[in-house]
PDB file of N, CA and C in Angstrom:
ATOM      1  N   UNK A   1       0.210   4.973  15.911  1.00  0.00           N
ATOM      2  CA  UNK A   1       0.837   4.127  14.908  1.00  0.00           C
ATOM      3  C   UNK A   1       0.639   4.762  13.530  1.00  0.00           C
ATOM      4  N   UNK A   2       1.634   4.621  12.697  1.00  0.00           N
ATOM      5  CA  UNK A   2       1.595   5.195  11.360  1.00  0.00           C
ATOM      6  C   UNK A   2       0.645   4.381  10.472  1.00  0.00           C
ATOM      7  N   UNK A   3      -0.030   5.051   9.574  1.00  0.00           N
ATOM      8  CA  UNK A   3      -0.916   4.365   8.650  1.00  0.00           C
ATOM      9  C   UNK A   3      -0.087   3.534   7.679  1.00  0.00           C
ATOM     10  N   UNK A   4      -0.613   2.413   7.290  1.00  0.00           N
ATOM     11  CA  UNK A   4       0.119   1.498   6.413  1.00  0.00           C
ATOM     12  C   UNK A   4       0.265   2.042   5.001  1.00  0.00           C
ATOM     13  N   UNK A   5      -0.647   2.892   4.567  1.00  0.00           N
ATOM     14  CA  UNK A   5      -0.600   3.364   3.184  1.00  0.00           C
ATOM     15  C   UNK A   5       0.533   4.352   2.949  1.00  0.00           C
ATOM     16  N   UNK A   6       1.049   4.995   3.985  1.00  0.00           N
ATOM     17  CA  UNK A   6       2.154   5.953   3.786  1.00  0.00           C
ATOM     18  C   UNK A   6       3.443   5.264   3.328  1.00  0.00           C
ATOM     19  N   UNK A   7       3.958   4.253   4.063  1.00  0.00           N
ATOM     20  CA  UNK A   7       5.171   3.601   3.553  1.00  0.00           C
ATOM     21  C   UNK A   7       4.940   2.820   2.272  1.00  0.00           C
ATOM     22  N   UNK A   8       3.730   2.263   2.095  1.00  0.00           N
ATOM     23  CA  UNK A   8       3.461   1.530   0.851  1.00  0.00           C
ATOM     24  C   UNK A   8       3.405   2.465  -0.350  1.00  0.00           C
ATOM     25  N   UNK A   9       2.933   3.685  -0.135  1.00  0.00           N
ATOM     26  CA  UNK A   9       2.959   4.675  -1.212  1.00  0.00           C
ATOM     27  C   UNK A   9       4.396   5.045  -1.564  1.00  0.00           C
ATOM     28  N   UNK A  10       5.227   5.202  -0.548  1.00  0.00           N
ATOM     29  CA  UNK A  10       6.644   5.497  -0.795  1.00  0.00           C
ATOM     30  C   UNK A  10       7.330   4.345  -1.514  1.00  0.00           C
ATOM     31  N   UNK A  11       6.980   3.110  -1.166  1.00  0.00           N
ATOM     32  CA  UNK A  11       7.523   1.949  -1.868  1.00  0.00           C
ATOM     33  C   UNK A  11       7.138   1.995  -3.343  1.00  0.00           C
ATOM     34  N   UNK A  12       5.888   2.314  -3.624  1.00  0.00           N
ATOM     35  CA  UNK A  12       5.430   2.408  -5.022  1.00  0.00           C
ATOM     36  C   UNK A  12       6.166   3.501  -5.790  1.00  0.00           C
ATOM     37  N   UNK A  13       6.391   4.635  -5.139  1.00  0.00           N
ATOM     38  CA  UNK A  13       7.116   5.741  -5.790  1.00  0.00           C
ATOM     39  C   UNK A  13       8.562   5.327  -6.067  1.00  0.00           C
ATOM     40  N   UNK A  14       9.205   4.670  -5.093  1.00  0.00           N
ATOM     41  CA  UNK A  14      10.594   4.246  -5.288  1.00  0.00           C
ATOM     42  C   UNK A  14      10.711   3.196  -6.389  1.00  0.00           C
ATOM     43  N   UNK A  15       9.790   2.245  -6.430  1.00  0.00           N
ATOM     44  CA  UNK A  15       9.837   1.223  -7.482  1.00  0.00           C
ATOM     45  C   UNK A  15       9.577   1.849  -8.847  1.00  0.00           C
ATOM     46  N   UNK A  16       8.647   2.788  -8.908  1.00  0.00           N
ATOM     47  CA  UNK A  16       8.364   3.458 -10.183  1.00  0.00           C
ATOM     48  C   UNK A  16       9.556   4.264 -10.679  1.00  0.00           C
ATOM     49  N   UNK A  17      10.185   5.025  -9.779  1.00  0.00           N
ATOM     50  CA  UNK A  17      11.357   5.809 -10.178  1.00  0.00           C
ATOM     51  C   UNK A  17      12.524   4.907 -10.554  1.00  0.00           C
ATOM     52  N   UNK A  18      12.702   3.819  -9.809  1.00  0.00           N
ATOM     53  CA  UNK A  18      13.781   2.884 -10.132  1.00  0.00           C
ATOM     54  C   UNK A  18      13.554   2.174 -11.449  1.00  0.00           C
ATOM     55  N   UNK A  19      12.313   1.782 -11.705  1.00  0.00           N
ATOM     56  CA  UNK A  19      11.997   1.120 -12.976  1.00  0.00           C
ATOM     57  C   UNK A  19      12.201   2.062 -14.155  1.00  0.00           C
ATOM     58  N   UNK A  20      11.802   3.310 -13.978  1.00  0.00           N
ATOM     59  CA  UNK A  20      12.050   4.296 -15.036  1.00  0.00           C
ATOM     60  C   UNK A  20      13.552   4.464 -15.261  1.00  0.00           C
ATOM     61  N   UNK A  21      14.318   4.501 -14.194  1.00  0.00           N
ATOM     62  CA  UNK A  21      15.766   4.648 -14.329  1.00  0.00           C
ATOM     63  C   UNK A  21      16.418   3.475 -15.035  1.00  0.00           C
ATOM     64  N   UNK A  22      15.897   2.277 -14.812  1.00  0.00           N
ATOM     65  CA  UNK A  22      16.468   1.094 -15.463  1.00  0.00           C
ATOM     66  C   UNK A  22      16.050   1.018 -16.931  1.00  0.00           C
ATOM     67  N   UNK A  23      14.801   1.340 -17.216  1.00  0.00           N
ATOM     68  CA  UNK A  23      14.275   1.166 -18.577  1.00  0.00           C
ATOM     69  C   UNK A  23      14.670   2.310 -19.507  1.00  0.00           C
ATOM     70  N   UNK A  24      14.602   3.548 -19.039  1.00  0.00           N
ATOM     71  CA  UNK A  24      14.731   4.697 -19.930  1.00  0.00           C
ATOM     72  C   UNK A  24      16.156   5.243 -20.052  1.00  0.00           C
ATOM     73  N   UNK A  25      17.032   4.893 -19.160  1.00  0.00           N
ATOM     74  CA  UNK A  25      18.374   5.483 -19.177  1.00  0.00           C
ATOM     75  C   UNK A  25      19.325   4.656 -20.022  1.00  0.00           C
ATOM     76  N   UNK A  26      20.294   5.349 -20.604  1.00  0.00           N
ATOM     77  CA  UNK A  26      21.326   4.680 -21.386  1.00  0.00           C
ATOM     78  C   UNK A  26      22.663   4.680 -20.669  1.00  0.00           C
ATOM     79  N   UNK A  27      22.829   5.524 -19.684  1.00  0.00           N
ATOM     80  CA  UNK A  27      24.068   5.600 -18.934  1.00  0.00           C
ATOM     81  C   UNK A  27      24.093   4.475 -17.902  1.00  0.00           C
ATOM     82  N   UNK A  28      25.192   3.731 -17.836  1.00  0.00           N
ATOM     83  CA  UNK A  28      25.278   2.565 -16.959  1.00  0.00           C
ATOM     84  C   UNK A  28      25.180   2.945 -15.486  1.00  0.00           C
ATOM     85  N   UNK A  29      25.725   4.084 -15.103  1.00  0.00           N
ATOM     86  CA  UNK A  29      25.666   4.506 -13.705  1.00  0.00           C
ATOM     87  C   UNK A  29      24.229   4.848 -13.316  1.00  0.00           C
ATOM     88  N   UNK A  30      23.480   5.478 -14.195  1.00  0.00           N
ATOM     89  CA  UNK A  30      22.090   5.807 -13.894  1.00  0.00           C
ATOM     90  C   UNK A  30      21.214   4.560 -13.831  1.00  0.00           C
ATOM     91  N   UNK A  31      21.527   3.559 -14.637  1.00  0.00           N
ATOM     92  CA  UNK A  31      20.822   2.284 -14.537  1.00  0.00           C
ATOM     93  C   UNK A  31      21.105   1.644 -13.187  1.00  0.00           C
ATOM     94  N   UNK A  32      22.343   1.720 -12.736  1.00  0.00           N
ATOM     95  CA  UNK A  32      22.722   1.179 -11.435  1.00  0.00           C
ATOM     96  C   UNK A  32      22.001   1.902 -10.297  1.00  0.00           C
ATOM     97  N   UNK A  33      21.837   3.196 -10.412  1.00  0.00           N
ATOM     98  CA  UNK A  33      21.100   3.958  -9.406  1.00  0.00           C
ATOM     99  C   UNK A  33      19.633   3.524  -9.395  1.00  0.00           C
ATOM    100  N   UNK A  34      19.060   3.244 -10.550  1.00  0.00           N
ATOM    101  CA  UNK A  34      17.693   2.742 -10.618  1.00  0.00           C
ATOM    102  C   UNK A  34      17.535   1.394  -9.919  1.00  0.00           C
ATOM    103  N   UNK A  35      18.504   0.514 -10.103  1.00  0.00           N
ATOM    104  CA  UNK A  35      18.476  -0.783  -9.415  1.00  0.00           C
ATOM    105  C   UNK A  35      18.564  -0.592  -7.909  1.00  0.00           C
ATOM    106  N   UNK A  36      19.393   0.333  -7.469  1.00  0.00           N
ATOM    107  CA  UNK A  36      19.517   0.604  -6.031  1.00  0.00           C
ATOM    108  C   UNK A  36      18.220   1.166  -5.461  1.00  0.00           C
ATOM    109  N   UNK A  37      17.506   1.980  -6.222  1.00  0.00           N
ATOM    110  CA  UNK A  37      16.213   2.476  -5.759  1.00  0.00           C
ATOM    111  C   UNK A  37      15.212   1.335  -5.574  1.00  0.00           C
ATOM    112  N   UNK A  38      15.223   0.384  -6.485  1.00  0.00           N
ATOM    113  CA  UNK A  38      14.323  -0.761  -6.361  1.00  0.00           C
ATOM    114  C   UNK A  38      14.691  -1.604  -5.138  1.00  0.00           C
ATOM    115  N   UNK A  39      15.969  -1.800  -4.896  1.00  0.00           N
ATOM    116  CA  UNK A  39      16.397  -2.552  -3.717  1.00  0.00           C
ATOM    117  C   UNK A  39      16.039  -1.823  -2.426  1.00  0.00           C
ATOM    118  N   UNK A  40      16.139  -0.504  -2.417  1.00  0.00           N
ATOM    119  CA  UNK A  40      15.743   0.252  -1.232  1.00  0.00           C
ATOM    120  C   UNK A  40      14.237   0.192  -1.007  1.00  0.00           C
ATOM    121  N   UNK A  41      13.472   0.124  -2.069  1.00  0.00           N
ATOM    122  CA  UNK A  41      12.024  -0.060  -1.923  1.00  0.00           C
ATOM    123  C   UNK A  41      11.722  -1.413  -1.293  1.00  0.00           C
ATOM    124  N   UNK A  42      12.457  -2.435  -1.688  1.00  0.00           N
ATOM    125  CA  UNK A  42      12.272  -3.754  -1.075  1.00  0.00           C
ATOM    126  C   UNK A  42      12.640  -3.719   0.404  1.00  0.00           C
ATOM    127  N   UNK A  43      13.706  -3.003   0.745  1.00  0.00           N
ATOM    128  CA  UNK A  43      14.079  -2.856   2.160  1.00  0.00           C
ATOM    129  C   UNK A  43      12.960  -2.201   2.958  1.00  0.00           C
ATOM    130  N   UNK A  44      12.403  -1.136   2.431  1.00  0.00           N
ATOM    131  CA  UNK A  44      11.321  -0.442   3.118  1.00  0.00           C
ATOM    132  C   UNK A  44      10.097  -1.339   3.267  1.00  0.00           C
ATOM    133  N   UNK A  45       9.808  -2.125   2.248  1.00  0.00           N
ATOM    134  CA  UNK A  45       8.672  -3.043   2.317  1.00  0.00           C
ATOM    135  C   UNK A  45       8.909  -4.123   3.372  1.00  0.00           C
ATOM    136  N   UNK A  46      10.109  -4.670   3.447  1.00  0.00           N
ATOM    137  CA  UNK A  46      10.422  -5.675   4.466  1.00  0.00           C
ATOM    138  C   UNK A  46      10.267  -5.111   5.872  1.00  0.00           C
ATOM    139  N   UNK A  47      10.796  -3.915   6.102  1.00  0.00           N
ATOM    140  CA  UNK A  47      10.714  -3.321   7.431  1.00  0.00           C
ATOM    141  C   UNK A  47       9.268  -2.976   7.783  1.00  0.00           C
ATOM    142  N   UNK A  48       8.522  -2.466   6.833  1.00  0.00           N
ATOM    143  CA  UNK A  48       7.121  -2.120   7.078  1.00  0.00           C
ATOM    144  C   UNK A  48       6.305  -3.350   7.429  1.00  0.00           C
ATOM    145  N   UNK A  49       6.433  -4.396   6.633  1.00  0.00           N
ATOM    146  CA  UNK A  49       5.660  -5.600   6.906  1.00  0.00           C
ATOM    147  C   UNK A  49       6.134  -6.291   8.178  1.00  0.00           C
ATOM    148  N   UNK A  50       7.420  -6.235   8.467  1.00  0.00           N
ATOM    149  CA  UNK A  50       7.919  -6.808   9.715  1.00  0.00           C
ATOM    150  C   UNK A  50       7.402  -6.081  10.936  1.00  0.00           C
ATOM    151  N   UNK A  51       7.202  -4.785  10.825  1.00  0.00           N
ATOM    152  CA  UNK A  51       6.670  -4.011  11.945  1.00  0.00           C
ATOM    153  C   UNK A  51       5.165  -4.207  12.109  1.00  0.00           C
ATOM    154  N   UNK A  52       4.451  -4.349  11.009  1.00  0.00           N
ATOM    155  CA  UNK A  52       2.999  -4.486  11.064  1.00  0.00           C
ATOM    156  C   UNK A  52       2.586  -5.867  11.567  1.00  0.00           C
ATOM    157  N   UNK A  53       3.298  -6.902  11.153  1.00  0.00           N
ATOM    158  CA  UNK A  53       2.891  -8.267  11.468  1.00  0.00           C
ATOM    159  C   UNK A  53       3.301  -8.727  12.863  1.00  0.00           C
ATOM    160  N   UNK A  54       4.112  -7.961  13.579  1.00  0.00           N
ATOM    161  CA  UNK A  54       4.563  -8.305  14.929  1.00  0.00           C
ATOM    162  C   UNK A  54       5.167  -9.703  15.001  1.00  0.00           C
ATOM    163  N   UNK A  55       6.088  -9.978  14.108  1.00  0.00           N
ATOM    164  CA  UNK A  55       6.773 -11.263  14.065  1.00  0.00           C
ATOM    165  C   UNK A  55       7.778 -11.328  15.215  1.00  0.00           C
ATOM    166  N   UNK A  56       7.744 -12.345  16.049  1.00  0.00           N
ATOM    167  CA  UNK A  56       8.697 -12.407  17.171  1.00  0.00           C
ATOM    168  C   UNK A  56      10.145 -12.621  16.724  1.00  0.00           C
ATOM    169  N   UNK A  57      10.342 -13.182  15.541  1.00  0.00           N
ATOM    170  CA  UNK A  57      11.699 -13.399  15.033  1.00  0.00           C
ATOM    171  C   UNK A  57      12.241 -12.205  14.257  1.00  0.00           C
ATOM    172  N   UNK A  58      11.395 -11.202  14.014  1.00  0.00           N
ATOM    173  CA  UNK A  58      11.774 -10.006  13.257  1.00  0.00           C
ATOM    174  C   UNK A  58      12.353 -10.381  11.894  1.00  0.00           C
ATOM    175  N   UNK A  59      11.634 -11.204  11.171  1.00  0.00           N
ATOM    176  CA  UNK A  59      12.096 -11.707   9.884  1.00  0.00           C
ATOM    177  C   UNK A  59      12.291 -10.590   8.867  1.00  0.00           C
ATOM    178  N   UNK A  60      11.405  -9.616   8.834  1.00  0.00           N
ATOM    179  CA  UNK A  60      11.532  -8.508   7.891  1.00  0.00           C
ATOM    180  C   UNK A  60      12.785  -7.698   8.126  1.00  0.00           C
ATOM    181  N   UNK A  61      13.127  -7.479   9.377  1.00  0.00           N
ATOM    182  CA  UNK A  61      14.320  -6.711   9.700  1.00  0.00           C
ATOM    183  C   UNK A  61      15.590  -7.491   9.351  1.00  0.00           C
ATOM    184  N   UNK A  62      15.571  -8.803   9.599  1.00  0.00           N
ATOM    185  CA  UNK A  62      16.732  -9.635   9.267  1.00  0.00           C
ATOM    186  C   UNK A  62      16.921  -9.711   7.761  1.00  0.00           C
ATOM    187  N   UNK A  63      15.830  -9.864   7.019  1.00  0.00           N
ATOM    188  CA  UNK A  63      15.932  -9.890   5.561  1.00  0.00           C
ATOM    189  C   UNK A  63      16.455  -8.561   5.020  1.00  0.00           C
ATOM    190  N   UNK A  64      16.099  -7.467   5.679  1.00  0.00           N
ATOM    191  CA  UNK A  64      16.608  -6.163   5.266  1.00  0.00           C
ATOM    192  C   UNK A  64      18.122  -6.090   5.435  1.00  0.00           C
ATOM    193  N   UNK A  65      18.631  -6.633   6.531  1.00  0.00           N
ATOM    194  CA  UNK A  65      20.089  -6.644   6.725  1.00  0.00           C
ATOM    195  C   UNK A  65      20.789  -7.463   5.651  1.00  0.00           C
ATOM    196  N   UNK A  66      20.209  -8.606   5.289  1.00  0.00           N
ATOM    197  CA  UNK A  66      20.791  -9.406   4.216  1.00  0.00           C
ATOM    198  C   UNK A  66      20.736  -8.668   2.881  1.00  0.00           C
ATOM    199  N   UNK A  67      19.646  -7.989   2.614  1.00  0.00           N
ATOM    200  CA  UNK A  67      19.503  -7.267   1.354  1.00  0.00           C
ATOM    201  C   UNK A  67      20.460  -6.085   1.276  1.00  0.00           C
ATOM    202  N   UNK A  68      20.720  -5.424   2.390  1.00  0.00           N
ATOM    203  CA  UNK A  68      21.708  -4.343   2.402  1.00  0.00           C
ATOM    204  C   UNK A  68      23.088  -4.889   2.064  1.00  0.00           C
ATOM    205  N   UNK A  69      23.426  -6.057   2.607  1.00  0.00           N
ATOM    206  CA  UNK A  69      24.720  -6.683   2.310  1.00  0.00           C
ATOM    207  C   UNK A  69      24.819  -7.069   0.835  1.00  0.00           C
ATOM    208  N   UNK A  70      23.765  -7.633   0.299  1.00  0.00           N
ATOM    209  CA  UNK A  70      23.753  -8.018  -1.115  1.00  0.00           C
ATOM    210  C   UNK A  70      23.844  -6.780  -2.003  1.00  0.00           C
ATOM    211  N   UNK A  71      23.159  -5.703  -1.636  1.00  0.00           N
ATOM    212  CA  UNK A  71      23.201  -4.470  -2.428  1.00  0.00           C
ATOM    213  C   UNK A  71      24.600  -3.853  -2.421  1.00  0.00           C
ATOM    214  N   UNK A  72      25.291  -3.931  -1.285  1.00  0.00           N
ATOM    215  CA  UNK A  72      26.655  -3.398  -1.233  1.00  0.00           C
ATOM    216  C   UNK A  72      27.595  -4.206  -2.117  1.00  0.00           C
ATOM    217  N   UNK A  73      27.459  -5.526  -2.091  1.00  0.00           N
ATOM    218  CA  UNK A  73      28.293  -6.369  -2.955  1.00  0.00           C
ATOM    219  C   UNK A  73      27.961  -6.135  -4.428  1.00  0.00           C
ATOM    220  N   UNK A  74      26.682  -5.991  -4.726  1.00  0.00           N
ATOM    221  CA  UNK A  74      26.259  -5.726  -6.107  1.00  0.00           C
ATOM    222  C   UNK A  74      26.804  -4.401  -6.602  1.00  0.00           C
ATOM    223  N   UNK A  75      26.813  -3.399  -5.739  1.00  0.00           N
ATOM    224  CA  UNK A  75      27.340  -2.088  -6.121  1.00  0.00           C
ATOM    225  C   UNK A  75      28.832  -2.169  -6.441  1.00  0.00           C
ATOM    226  N   UNK A  76      29.583  -2.878  -5.636  1.00  0.00           N
ATOM    227  CA  UNK A  76      31.018  -3.017  -5.886  1.00  0.00           C
ATOM    228  C   UNK A  76      31.314  -3.728  -7.190  1.00  0.00           C
ATOM    229  N   UNK A  77      30.626  -4.832  -7.440  1.00  0.00           N
ATOM    230  CA  UNK A  77      30.844  -5.591  -8.684  1.00  0.00           C
ATOM    231  C   UNK A  77      30.391  -4.778  -9.893  1.00  0.00           C
ATOM    232  N   UNK A  78      29.238  -4.116  -9.781  1.00  0.00           N
ATOM    233  CA  UNK A  78      28.721  -3.342 -10.914  1.00  0.00           C
ATOM    234  C   UNK A  78      29.626  -2.163 -11.250  1.00  0.00           C
ATOM    235  N   UNK A  79      30.143  -1.485 -10.239  1.00  0.00           N
ATOM    236  CA  UNK A  79      31.060  -0.371 -10.520  1.00  0.00           C
ATOM    237  C   UNK A  79      32.359  -0.858 -11.141  1.00  0.00           C
ATOM    238  N   UNK A  80      32.817  -2.046 -10.737  1.00  0.00           N
ATOM    239  CA  UNK A  80      34.015  -2.611 -11.364  1.00  0.00           C
ATOM    240  C   UNK A  80      33.758  -2.947 -12.833  1.00  0.00           C
ATOM    241  N   UNK A  81      32.588  -3.480 -13.137  1.00  0.00           N
ATOM    242  CA  UNK A  81      32.230  -3.793 -14.526  1.00  0.00           C
ATOM    243  C   UNK A  81      32.104  -2.507 -15.343  1.00  0.00           C
ATOM    244  N   UNK A  82      31.501  -1.480 -14.761  1.00  0.00           N
ATOM    245  CA  UNK A  82      31.354  -0.201 -15.466  1.00  0.00           C
ATOM    246  C   UNK A  82      32.716   0.428 -15.733  1.00  0.00           C
ATOM    247  N   UNK A  83      33.618   0.332 -14.772  1.00  0.00           N
ATOM    248  CA  UNK A  83      34.969   0.863 -14.966  1.00  0.00           C
ATOM    249  C   UNK A  83      35.704   0.109 -16.072  1.00  0.00           C
ATOM    250  N   UNK A  84      35.566  -1.209 -16.097  1.00  0.00           N
ATOM    251  CA  UNK A  84      36.181  -1.997 -17.172  1.00  0.00           C
ATOM    252  C   UNK A  84      35.567  -1.656 -18.521  1.00  0.00           C
ATOM    253  N   UNK A  85      34.260  -1.441 -18.545  1.00  0.00           N
ATOM    254  CA  UNK A  85      33.574  -1.044 -19.773  1.00  0.00           C
ATOM    255  C   UNK A  85      34.075   0.312 -20.266  1.00  0.00           C
ATOM    256  N   UNK A  86      34.269   1.235 -19.346  1.00  0.00           N
ATOM    257  CA  UNK A  86      34.767   2.559 -19.731  1.00  0.00           C
ATOM    258  C   UNK A  86      36.194   2.477 -20.266  1.00  0.00           C
ATOM    259  N   UNK A  87      37.017   1.657 -19.630  1.00  0.00           N
ATOM    260  CA  UNK A  87      38.402   1.515 -20.113  1.00  0.00           C
ATOM    261  C   UNK A  87      38.455   0.878 -21.496  1.00  0.00           C
ATOM    262  N   UNK A  88      37.535  -0.050 -21.751  1.00  0.00           N
ATOM    263  CA  UNK A  88      37.533  -0.746 -23.035  1.00  0.00           C
ATOM    264  C   UNK A  88      36.942   0.110 -24.149  1.00  0.00           C
ATOM    265  N   UNK A  89      35.791   0.735 -23.899  1.00  0.00           N
ATOM    266  CA  UNK A  89      35.079   1.481 -24.929  1.00  0.00           C
ATOM    267  C   UNK A  89      35.394   2.969 -24.951  1.00  0.00           C
ATOM    268  N   UNK A  90      35.663   3.547 -23.792  1.00  0.00           N
ATOM    269  CA  UNK A  90      35.864   4.981 -23.717  1.00  0.00           C
ATOM    270  C   UNK A  90      34.602   5.739 -23.363  1.00  0.00           C
ATOM    271  N   UNK A  91      33.475   5.018 -23.203  1.00  0.00           N
ATOM    272  CA  UNK A  91      32.208   5.614 -22.783  1.00  0.00           C
ATOM    273  C   UNK A  91      31.415   4.539 -22.050  1.00  0.00           C
ATOM    274  N   UNK A  92      30.363   4.960 -21.373  1.00  0.00           N
ATOM    275  CA  UNK A  92      29.534   3.998 -20.642  1.00  0.00           C
ATOM    276  C   UNK A  92      28.085   4.042 -21.129  1.00  0.00           C
ATOM    277  N   UNK A  93      27.895   4.398 -22.371  1.00  0.00           N
ATOM    278  CA  UNK A  93      26.561   4.424 -22.968  1.00  0.00           C
ATOM    279  C   UNK A  93      26.173   2.983 -23.320  1.00  0.00           C
ATOM    280  N   UNK A  94      25.068   2.502 -22.778  1.00  0.00           N
ATOM    281  CA  UNK A  94      24.672   1.116 -22.971  1.00  0.00           C
ATOM    282  C   UNK A  94      23.960   0.864 -24.298  1.00  0.00           C
ATOM    283  N   UNK A  95      23.540   1.911 -24.983  1.00  0.00           N
ATOM    284  CA  UNK A  95      22.792   1.709 -26.226  1.00  0.00           C
ATOM    285  C   UNK A  95      23.712   1.503 -27.433  1.00  0.00           C
ATOM    286  N   UNK A  96      24.955   1.902 -27.332  1.00  0.00           N
ATOM    287  CA  UNK A  96      25.881   1.725 -28.453  1.00  0.00           C
ATOM    288  C   UNK A  96      26.528   0.354 -28.385  1.00  0.00           C
ATOM    289  N   UNK A  97      26.673  -0.310 -29.526  1.00  0.00           N
ATOM    290  CA  UNK A  97      27.306  -1.640 -29.512  1.00  0.00           C
ATOM    291  C   UNK A  97      28.786  -1.531 -29.191  1.00  0.00           C
ATOM    292  N   UNK A  98      29.313  -2.595 -28.621  1.00  0.00           N
ATOM    293  CA  UNK A  98      30.728  -2.621 -28.235  1.00  0.00           C
ATOM    294  C   UNK A  98      31.646  -2.740 -29.431  1.00  0.00           C
ATOM    295  N   UNK A  99      32.936  -2.532 -29.165  1.00  0.00           N
ATOM    296  CA  UNK A  99      33.926  -2.589 -30.233  1.00  0.00           C
ATOM    297  C   UNK A  99      34.304  -4.001 -30.565  1.00  0.00           C
TER     298      UNK A  99
END
């Protein structure tokens, strides 16, 4: 069996990289990639804890499927908003005020 600290370390790395991407970036697409990294870290945490706890209902795995669906919908809506922002402003830099 795999040690528990390996996937938890990867979760910490993914959350740290995603948080840096959300906080430090000004480009809307890079912020979106940071959010996706955080969601993938949550998926990994759900699957890890679901495997360790031996839940007969496999709750961690089911929650991961729901989170994947939510992440796909979020990606579609966010890309549509970014495209509308680009058409309106001509750039997708989040630090500059809108017109």
